[in-house]
């Protein structure tokens, strides 16, 4: 069964609009990514997602170490108080 020309034309126009919308969204997302990458580099000195992940892991370890130190100091103070 053949598809009427009107349907084909309408479908092509619909696909064209959808493609243009997706291109626009892609450009917007690329701009956001570029902006966030620049911000990440300025604030944290990292240029890639891999570097950022390594930095996060390092910071998490430092936080855990600091939390442990604080808990130990609180425990010492509690023991001194009695």
C-alpha atoms as a PDB file:
ATOM      1  CA  UNK A   1       0.000   0.000   0.000  1.00  0.00           C
ATOM      2  CA  UNK A   2       1.477   3.322  -1.085  1.00  0.00           C
ATOM      3  CA  UNK A   3       1.631   6.263   1.287  1.00  0.00           C
ATOM      4  CA  UNK A   4      -0.017   9.395  -0.140  1.00  0.00           C
ATOM      5  CA  UNK A   5       2.389  12.194  -1.074  1.00  0.00           C
ATOM      6  CA  UNK A   6       0.773  14.520   1.478  1.00  0.00           C
ATOM      7  CA  UNK A   7       1.630  12.096   4.258  1.00  0.00           C
ATOM      8  CA  UNK A   8       5.209  11.708   3.094  1.00  0.00           C
ATOM      9  CA  UNK A   9       5.659  15.479   2.840  1.00  0.00           C
ATOM     10  CA  UNK A  10       4.115  16.012   6.254  1.00  0.00           C
ATOM     11  CA  UNK A  11       6.231  13.314   7.823  1.00  0.00           C
ATOM     12  CA  UNK A  12       9.376  14.755   6.234  1.00  0.00           C
ATOM     13  CA  UNK A  13       8.538  18.217   7.548  1.00  0.00           C
ATOM     14  CA  UNK A  14       7.887  16.778  10.984  1.00  0.00           C
ATOM     15  CA  UNK A  15      11.200  14.919  10.928  1.00  0.00           C
ATOM     16  CA  UNK A  16      12.989  18.053   9.742  1.00  0.00           C
ATOM     17  CA  UNK A  17      11.531  20.097  12.611  1.00  0.00           C
ATOM     18  CA  UNK A  18      12.448  17.397  15.100  1.00  0.00           C
ATOM     19  CA  UNK A  19      15.996  17.240  13.731  1.00  0.00           C
ATOM     20  CA  UNK A  20      16.360  21.028  13.938  1.00  0.00           C
ATOM     21  CA  UNK A  21      15.088  20.979  17.516  1.00  0.00           C
ATOM     22  CA  UNK A  22      17.554  18.244  18.459  1.00  0.00           C
ATOM     23  CA  UNK A  23      20.405  20.177  16.826  1.00  0.00           C
ATOM     24  CA  UNK A  24      19.429  23.229  18.838  1.00  0.00           C
ATOM     25  CA  UNK A  25      19.315  21.215  22.051  1.00  0.00           C
ATOM     26  CA  UNK A  26      22.690  19.677  21.232  1.00  0.00           C
ATOM     27  CA  UNK A  27      24.238  23.109  20.718  1.00  0.00           C
ATOM     28  CA  UNK A  28      22.741  24.316  23.999  1.00  0.00           C
ATOM     29  CA  UNK A  29      24.071  21.285  25.873  1.00  0.00           C
ATOM     30  CA  UNK A  30      27.509  21.689  24.288  1.00  0.00           C
ATOM     31  CA  UNK A  31      27.546  25.305  25.481  1.00  0.00           C
ATOM     32  CA  UNK A  32      26.581  24.260  28.995  1.00  0.00           C
ATOM     33  CA  UNK A  33      29.243  21.549  28.998  1.00  0.00           C
ATOM     34  CA  UNK A  34      31.877  24.028  27.862  1.00  0.00           C
ATOM     35  CA  UNK A  35      30.813  26.472  30.564  1.00  0.00           C
ATOM     36  CA  UNK A  36      30.853  23.821  33.289  1.00  0.00           C
ATOM     37  CA  UNK A  37      34.212  22.498  32.119  1.00  0.00           C
ATOM     38  CA  UNK A  38      35.657  26.008  32.275  1.00  0.00           C
ATOM     39  CA  UNK A  39      34.164  26.540  35.744  1.00  0.00           C
ATOM     40  CA  UNK A  40      35.541  23.186  36.915  1.00  0.00           C
ATOM     41  CA  UNK A  41      38.990  24.154  35.683  1.00  0.00           C
ATOM     42  CA  UNK A  42      38.882  27.592  37.292  1.00  0.00           C
ATOM     43  CA  UNK A  43      37.542  26.445  40.659  1.00  0.00           C
ATOM     44  CA  UNK A  44      39.263  23.093  41.067  1.00  0.00           C
ATOM     45  CA  UNK A  45      42.107  23.043  38.556  1.00  0.00           C
ATOM     46  CA  UNK A  46      40.840  19.996  36.691  1.00  0.00           C
ATOM     47  CA  UNK A  47      40.151  19.778  32.969  1.00  0.00           C
ATOM     48  CA  UNK A  48      38.472  16.402  32.535  1.00  0.00           C
ATOM     49  CA  UNK A  49      35.760  14.350  34.196  1.00  0.00           C
ATOM     50  CA  UNK A  50      38.387  11.738  35.049  1.00  0.00           C
ATOM     51  CA  UNK A  51      40.491  14.325  36.871  1.00  0.00           C
ATOM     52  CA  UNK A  52      37.386  15.572  38.667  1.00  0.00           C
ATOM     53  CA  UNK A  53      36.520  12.052  39.831  1.00  0.00           C
ATOM     54  CA  UNK A  54      40.034  11.577  41.195  1.00  0.00           C
ATOM     55  CA  UNK A  55      39.810  14.910  42.996  1.00  0.00           C
ATOM     56  CA  UNK A  56      36.453  13.940  44.492  1.00  0.00           C
ATOM     57  CA  UNK A  57      37.896  10.644  45.751  1.00  0.00           C
ATOM     58  CA  UNK A  58      40.832  12.505  47.302  1.00  0.00           C
ATOM     59  CA  UNK A  59      38.534  15.045  48.949  1.00  0.00           C
ATOM     60  CA  UNK A  60      36.246  12.305  50.288  1.00  0.00           C
ATOM     61  CA  UNK A  61      39.245  10.582  51.883  1.00  0.00           C
ATOM     62  CA  UNK A  62      40.326  13.871  53.454  1.00  0.00           C
ATOM     63  CA  UNK A  63      36.807  14.410  54.811  1.00  0.00           C
ATOM     64  CA  UNK A  64      36.734  10.907  56.301  1.00  0.00           C
ATOM     65  CA  UNK A  65      40.143  11.493  57.897  1.00  0.00           C
ATOM     66  CA  UNK A  66      39.008  14.831  59.348  1.00  0.00           C
ATOM     67  CA  UNK A  67      35.761  13.340  60.661  1.00  0.00           C
ATOM     68  CA  UNK A  68      37.697  10.525  62.330  1.00  0.00           C
ATOM     69  CA  UNK A  69      40.055  13.026  63.917  1.00  0.00           C
ATOM     70  CA  UNK A  70      37.153  15.094  65.222  1.00  0.00           C
ATOM     71  CA  UNK A  71      35.432  12.016  66.685  1.00  0.00           C
ATOM     72  CA  UNK A  72      38.671  11.028  68.413  1.00  0.00           C
ATOM     73  CA  UNK A  73      39.100  14.506  69.896  1.00  0.00           C
ATOM     74  CA  UNK A  74      35.504  14.538  71.110  1.00  0.00           C
ATOM     75  CA  UNK A  75      36.070  11.154  72.728  1.00  0.00           C
ATOM     76  CA  UNK A  76      39.227  12.471  74.442  1.00  0.00           C
ATOM     77  CA  UNK A  77      37.359  15.502  75.746  1.00  0.00           C
ATOM     78  CA  UNK A  78      34.522  13.319  77.028  1.00  0.00           C
ATOM     79  CA  UNK A  79      37.031  11.111  78.841  1.00  0.00           C
ATOM     80  CA  UNK A  80      38.696  14.130  80.409  1.00  0.00           C
ATOM     81  CA  UNK A  81      35.351  15.512  81.544  1.00  0.00           C
ATOM     82  CA  UNK A  82      34.491  12.370  83.123  1.00  0.00           C
END
